[in-house]
Amino acid sequence: MRKIANLIIFQTAWFASVLGAANAMPWLGVIAVPVALGVHLALSSSRKAELLLALCSGAIGFTIDSGLISAGAFTPIPFIFPRPFSSLWMVMLWVNLATTLSVSMGWLRGRYVLAALFGGIGGPVAYYSGAKLGAMTAMPDLPGFLGIGLAWAIALPLLYGLVTLLHRRFPGPAAS
């Protein structure tokens, strides 16, 4: 039941972020994701590990997306940070992703090759979906999607390595 709730909360925050940006309310994701993170932390037995994971995921996402934006792979609706930096609502999407890594997407933990494949395909699909919903000023082209796929094929296994590292360092009363 927790996995289903986690997935529903994740999707709700994802849509709030993307549709908020698409409808001139990019602040909506900046509110929705911390609420989703708060619920996630309240249900987690490893709160410190999960909070650090969320913060690290946001920093990694900011770096990756800023690089992709600088390279011209995509152009999100801007919010707070100037181009070529990633929009704050997009950073929140990375924080939101972190809430799934130990729960609804926990099945990928320790499966780094599968995580790379999942990221390499799922990353571009998510960006395509966001673009189709209006959260980008233009649809990425083929080289842009390839760059996004490569970045996510590296990022998702990296995040799962971080999950393992942080949960070993800060295990909490029981594994989450």
C-alpha atoms as a PDB file:
ATOM      1  CA  MET A   1       0.000   0.000   0.000  1.00  0.00           C
ATOM      2  CA  ARG A   2       2.890   2.390   0.768  1.00  0.00           C
ATOM      3  CA  LYS A   3       4.285   1.896  -2.745  1.00  0.00           C
ATOM      4  CA  ILE A   4       0.962   2.825  -4.310  1.00  0.00           C
ATOM      5  CA  ALA A   5       0.592   5.879  -2.070  1.00  0.00           C
ATOM      6  CA  ASN A   6       4.179   6.881  -2.894  1.00  0.00           C
ATOM      7  CA  LEU A   7       3.501   6.637  -6.621  1.00  0.00           C
ATOM      8  CA  ILE A   8       0.262   8.634  -6.371  1.00  0.00           C
ATOM      9  CA  ILE A   9       1.906  11.385  -4.305  1.00  0.00           C
ATOM     10  CA  PHE A  10       4.867  11.479  -6.721  1.00  0.00           C
ATOM     11  CA  GLN A  11       2.602  11.766  -9.768  1.00  0.00           C
ATOM     12  CA  THR A  12       0.480  14.451  -8.116  1.00  0.00           C
ATOM     13  CA  ALA A  13       3.554  16.571  -7.328  1.00  0.00           C
ATOM     14  CA  TRP A  14       4.981  15.914 -10.836  1.00  0.00           C
ATOM     15  CA  PHE A  15       1.794  17.121 -12.522  1.00  0.00           C
ATOM     16  CA  ALA A  16       1.550  20.107 -10.163  1.00  0.00           C
ATOM     17  CA  SER A  17       5.106  21.089 -11.100  1.00  0.00           C
ATOM     18  CA  VAL A  18       4.810  20.565 -14.850  1.00  0.00           C
ATOM     19  CA  LEU A  19       1.280  21.895 -15.303  1.00  0.00           C
ATOM     20  CA  GLY A  20       2.060  24.767 -12.949  1.00  0.00           C
ATOM     21  CA  ALA A  21       5.009  25.779 -15.142  1.00  0.00           C
ATOM     22  CA  ALA A  22       2.940  25.319 -18.294  1.00  0.00           C
ATOM     23  CA  ASN A  23       0.172  27.562 -16.925  1.00  0.00           C
ATOM     24  CA  ALA A  24       2.257  30.482 -15.617  1.00  0.00           C
ATOM     25  CA  MET A  25       2.292  29.096 -12.060  1.00  0.00           C
ATOM     26  CA  PRO A  26       5.819  27.631 -11.757  1.00  0.00           C
ATOM     27  CA  TRP A  27       5.671  28.251  -7.996  1.00  0.00           C
ATOM     28  CA  LEU A  28       3.112  25.436  -7.713  1.00  0.00           C
ATOM     29  CA  GLY A  29       5.794  22.734  -7.935  1.00  0.00           C
ATOM     30  CA  VAL A  30       7.926  24.624  -5.432  1.00  0.00           C
ATOM     31  CA  ILE A  31       5.037  24.181  -2.981  1.00  0.00           C
ATOM     32  CA  ALA A  32       3.778  20.715  -4.011  1.00  0.00           C
ATOM     33  CA  VAL A  33       7.117  18.886  -3.951  1.00  0.00           C
ATOM     34  CA  PRO A  34       8.111  19.897  -0.393  1.00  0.00           C
ATOM     35  CA  VAL A  35       4.663  18.732   0.739  1.00  0.00           C
ATOM     36  CA  ALA A  36       5.230  15.391  -1.038  1.00  0.00           C
ATOM     37  CA  LEU A  37       8.696  15.198   0.521  1.00  0.00           C
ATOM     38  CA  GLY A  38       7.233  15.910   3.960  1.00  0.00           C
ATOM     39  CA  VAL A  39       4.741  13.052   3.600  1.00  0.00           C
ATOM     40  CA  HIS A  40       7.529  10.785   2.364  1.00  0.00           C
ATOM     41  CA  LEU A  41       9.755  11.669   5.315  1.00  0.00           C
ATOM     42  CA  ALA A  42       6.915  11.193   7.791  1.00  0.00           C
ATOM     43  CA  LEU A  43       6.427   7.634   6.477  1.00  0.00           C
ATOM     44  CA  SER A  44      10.135   6.808   6.267  1.00  0.00           C
ATOM     45  CA  SER A  45      12.101   5.001   8.932  1.00  0.00           C
ATOM     46  CA  SER A  46      15.328   6.506   7.537  1.00  0.00           C
ATOM     47  CA  ARG A  47      14.426  10.179   7.515  1.00  0.00           C
ATOM     48  CA  LYS A  48      17.966  11.558   7.571  1.00  0.00           C
ATOM     49  CA  ALA A  49      19.084   9.341   4.673  1.00  0.00           C
ATOM     50  CA  GLU A  50      15.975  10.220   2.657  1.00  0.00           C
ATOM     51  CA  LEU A  51      16.268  13.957   3.316  1.00  0.00           C
ATOM     52  CA  LEU A  52      19.943  13.946   2.288  1.00  0.00           C
ATOM     53  CA  LEU A  53      19.020  11.919  -0.791  1.00  0.00           C
ATOM     54  CA  ALA A  54      16.375  14.499  -1.747  1.00  0.00           C
ATOM     55  CA  LEU A  55      18.821  17.393  -1.301  1.00  0.00           C
ATOM     56  CA  CYS A  56      21.557  15.618  -3.245  1.00  0.00           C
ATOM     57  CA  SER A  57      19.096  14.683  -5.979  1.00  0.00           C
ATOM     58  CA  GLY A  58      18.068  18.317  -6.304  1.00  0.00           C
ATOM     59  CA  ALA A  59      21.715  19.414  -6.564  1.00  0.00           C
ATOM     60  CA  ILE A  60      22.525  16.702  -9.112  1.00  0.00           C
ATOM     61  CA  GLY A  61      19.426  17.580 -11.115  1.00  0.00           C
ATOM     62  CA  PHE A  62      20.230  21.285 -11.052  1.00  0.00           C
ATOM     63  CA  THR A  63      23.725  20.537 -12.368  1.00  0.00           C
ATOM     64  CA  ILE A  64      22.606  18.087 -15.056  1.00  0.00           C
ATOM     65  CA  ASP A  65      19.677  20.163 -16.279  1.00  0.00           C
ATOM     66  CA  SER A  66      21.752  23.364 -16.285  1.00  0.00           C
ATOM     67  CA  GLY A  67      24.321  21.568 -18.449  1.00  0.00           C
ATOM     68  CA  LEU A  68      21.630  20.280 -20.789  1.00  0.00           C
ATOM     69  CA  ILE A  69      20.063  23.741 -21.034  1.00  0.00           C
ATOM     70  CA  SER A  70      23.486  25.269 -21.736  1.00  0.00           C
ATOM     71  CA  ALA A  71      24.023  22.690 -24.471  1.00  0.00           C
ATOM     72  CA  GLY A  72      20.652  23.570 -26.015  1.00  0.00           C
ATOM     73  CA  ALA A  73      19.068  20.174 -25.334  1.00  0.00           C
ATOM     74  CA  PHE A  74      15.889  21.790 -24.002  1.00  0.00           C
ATOM     75  CA  THR A  75      14.504  25.068 -22.689  1.00  0.00           C
ATOM     76  CA  PRO A  76      12.122  24.894 -19.725  1.00  0.00           C
ATOM     77  CA  ILE A  77       9.774  27.646 -18.638  1.00  0.00           C
ATOM     78  CA  PRO A  78      12.111  29.801 -16.501  1.00  0.00           C
ATOM     79  CA  PHE A  79      11.519  30.400 -12.806  1.00  0.00           C
ATOM     80  CA  ILE A  80      13.815  32.084 -10.254  1.00  0.00           C
ATOM     81  CA  PHE A  81      17.160  31.156 -11.848  1.00  0.00           C
ATOM     82  CA  PRO A  82      18.198  32.839 -15.121  1.00  0.00           C
ATOM     83  CA  ARG A  83      19.167  30.866 -18.188  1.00  0.00           C
ATOM     84  CA  PRO A  84      21.247  28.760 -18.650  1.00  0.00           C
ATOM     85  CA  PHE A  85      20.481  27.530 -15.128  1.00  0.00           C
ATOM     86  CA  SER A  86      17.730  25.047 -14.454  1.00  0.00           C
ATOM     87  CA  SER A  87      14.367  26.387 -13.314  1.00  0.00           C
ATOM     88  CA  LEU A  88      13.559  25.916  -9.648  1.00  0.00           C
ATOM     89  CA  TRP A  89      10.393  23.960 -10.517  1.00  0.00           C
ATOM     90  CA  MET A  90      12.590  21.492 -12.452  1.00  0.00           C
ATOM     91  CA  VAL A  91      14.951  21.116  -9.497  1.00  0.00           C
ATOM     92  CA  MET A  92      11.859  20.191  -7.495  1.00  0.00           C
ATOM     93  CA  LEU A  93      11.174  17.370  -9.985  1.00  0.00           C
ATOM     94  CA  TRP A  94      14.525  15.839  -9.049  1.00  0.00           C
ATOM     95  CA  VAL A  95      13.704  16.190  -5.355  1.00  0.00           C
ATOM     96  CA  ASN A  96      10.352  14.560  -6.104  1.00  0.00           C
ATOM     97  CA  LEU A  97      12.087  11.687  -7.920  1.00  0.00           C
ATOM     98  CA  ALA A  98      14.176  11.031  -4.815  1.00  0.00           C
ATOM     99  CA  THR A  99      11.001  10.232  -2.863  1.00  0.00           C
ATOM    100  CA  THR A 100      10.438   7.186  -5.107  1.00  0.00           C
ATOM    101  CA  LEU A 101      13.916   5.664  -5.147  1.00  0.00           C
ATOM    102  CA  SER A 102      13.531   3.668  -1.932  1.00  0.00           C
ATOM    103  CA  VAL A 103       9.802   3.007  -2.252  1.00  0.00           C
ATOM    104  CA  SER A 104       7.847   2.687  -5.516  1.00  0.00           C
ATOM    105  CA  MET A 105      11.023   2.521  -7.623  1.00  0.00           C
ATOM    106  CA  GLY A 106      12.973   0.601  -4.990  1.00  0.00           C
ATOM    107  CA  TRP A 107      12.990  -2.458  -7.262  1.00  0.00           C
ATOM    108  CA  LEU A 108      15.837  -0.780  -9.227  1.00  0.00           C
ATOM    109  CA  ARG A 109      18.079  -0.477  -6.171  1.00  0.00           C
ATOM    110  CA  GLY A 110      21.351  -2.339  -6.778  1.00  0.00           C
ATOM    111  CA  ARG A 111      20.423  -3.000 -10.422  1.00  0.00           C
ATOM    112  CA  TYR A 112      22.649  -0.370 -11.961  1.00  0.00           C
ATOM    113  CA  VAL A 113      22.552  -1.561 -15.574  1.00  0.00           C
ATOM    114  CA  LEU A 114      18.773  -1.772 -15.462  1.00  0.00           C
ATOM    115  CA  ALA A 115      18.651   1.655 -13.798  1.00  0.00           C
ATOM    116  CA  ALA A 116      20.808   3.050 -16.627  1.00  0.00           C
ATOM    117  CA  LEU A 117      18.449   1.577 -19.234  1.00  0.00           C
ATOM    118  CA  PHE A 118      15.400   2.810 -17.343  1.00  0.00           C
ATOM    119  CA  GLY A 119      16.916   6.295 -16.990  1.00  0.00           C
ATOM    120  CA  GLY A 120      18.078   6.380 -20.603  1.00  0.00           C
ATOM    121  CA  ILE A 121      14.538   5.728 -21.809  1.00  0.00           C
ATOM    122  CA  GLY A 122      12.426   7.161 -18.986  1.00  0.00           C
ATOM    123  CA  GLY A 123      14.287  10.469 -18.762  1.00  0.00           C
ATOM    124  CA  PRO A 124      13.573  11.515 -22.354  1.00  0.00           C
ATOM    125  CA  VAL A 125       9.976  10.259 -22.044  1.00  0.00           C
ATOM    126  CA  ALA A 126       9.453  12.462 -18.974  1.00  0.00           C
ATOM    127  CA  TYR A 127      10.963  15.514 -20.713  1.00  0.00           C
ATOM    128  CA  TYR A 128       8.876  14.806 -23.833  1.00  0.00           C
ATOM    129  CA  SER A 129       5.755  14.595 -21.645  1.00  0.00           C
ATOM    130  CA  GLY A 130       6.628  17.864 -19.932  1.00  0.00           C
ATOM    131  CA  ALA A 131       7.195  19.534 -23.294  1.00  0.00           C
ATOM    132  CA  LYS A 132       3.880  18.226 -24.661  1.00  0.00           C
ATOM    133  CA  LEU A 133       2.116  19.594 -21.568  1.00  0.00           C
ATOM    134  CA  GLY A 134       3.644  23.029 -22.238  1.00  0.00           C
ATOM    135  CA  ALA A 135       6.405  23.211 -19.618  1.00  0.00           C
ATOM    136  CA  MET A 136       9.082  23.960 -22.232  1.00  0.00           C
ATOM    137  CA  THR A 137       9.323  26.777 -24.709  1.00  0.00           C
ATOM    138  CA  ALA A 138      10.197  24.295 -27.483  1.00  0.00           C
ATOM    139  CA  MET A 139      10.230  20.528 -27.942  1.00  0.00           C
ATOM    140  CA  PRO A 140      13.754  19.053 -27.725  1.00  0.00           C
ATOM    141  CA  ASP A 141      15.166  17.835 -31.043  1.00  0.00           C
ATOM    142  CA  LEU A 142      16.730  14.386 -31.584  1.00  0.00           C
ATOM    143  CA  PRO A 143      20.217  15.397 -30.347  1.00  0.00           C
ATOM    144  CA  GLY A 144      18.547  17.010 -27.321  1.00  0.00           C
ATOM    145  CA  PHE A 145      16.670  13.810 -26.499  1.00  0.00           C
ATOM    146  CA  LEU A 146      19.860  11.781 -26.943  1.00  0.00           C
ATOM    147  CA  GLY A 147      21.674  14.101 -24.535  1.00  0.00           C
ATOM    148  CA  ILE A 148      18.839  13.850 -22.032  1.00  0.00           C
ATOM    149  CA  GLY A 149      18.882  10.052 -22.367  1.00  0.00           C
ATOM    150  CA  LEU A 150      22.633   9.860 -21.822  1.00  0.00           C
ATOM    151  CA  ALA A 151      22.449  12.185 -18.814  1.00  0.00           C
ATOM    152  CA  TRP A 152      19.682  10.097 -17.253  1.00  0.00           C
ATOM    153  CA  ALA A 153      21.455   6.818 -18.048  1.00  0.00           C
ATOM    154  CA  ILE A 154      24.270   8.145 -15.856  1.00  0.00           C
ATOM    155  CA  ALA A 155      22.161   9.985 -13.257  1.00  0.00           C
ATOM    156  CA  LEU A 156      19.759   7.233 -12.226  1.00  0.00           C
ATOM    157  CA  PRO A 157      22.419   4.634 -11.330  1.00  0.00           C
ATOM    158  CA  LEU A 158      24.329   7.414  -9.553  1.00  0.00           C
ATOM    159  CA  LEU A 159      21.233   8.210  -7.507  1.00  0.00           C
ATOM    160  CA  TYR A 160      20.760   4.539  -6.623  1.00  0.00           C
ATOM    161  CA  GLY A 161      24.392   4.385  -5.513  1.00  0.00           C
ATOM    162  CA  LEU A 162      23.629   7.373  -3.313  1.00  0.00           C
ATOM    163  CA  VAL A 163      20.562   5.586  -1.894  1.00  0.00           C
ATOM    164  CA  THR A 164      22.762   2.653  -0.860  1.00  0.00           C
ATOM    165  CA  LEU A 165      25.503   4.870   0.546  1.00  0.00           C
ATOM    166  CA  LEU A 166      23.142   7.093   2.565  1.00  0.00           C
ATOM    167  CA  HIS A 167      21.074   4.215   3.931  1.00  0.00           C
ATOM    168  CA  ARG A 168      24.252   2.482   5.101  1.00  0.00           C
ATOM    169  CA  ARG A 169      25.473   5.690   6.740  1.00  0.00           C
ATOM    170  CA  PHE A 170      22.093   6.656   8.258  1.00  0.00           C
ATOM    171  CA  PRO A 171      20.069   3.427   8.530  1.00  0.00           C
ATOM    172  CA  GLY A 172      17.344   4.577  10.906  1.00  0.00           C
ATOM    173  CA  PRO A 173      15.582   2.058  13.165  1.00  0.00           C
ATOM    174  CA  ALA A 174      14.762  -0.224  10.196  1.00  0.00           C
ATOM    175  CA  ALA A 175      15.392  -0.276   6.451  1.00  0.00           C
ATOM    176  CA  SER A 176      12.755   1.712   4.584  1.00  0.00           C
END
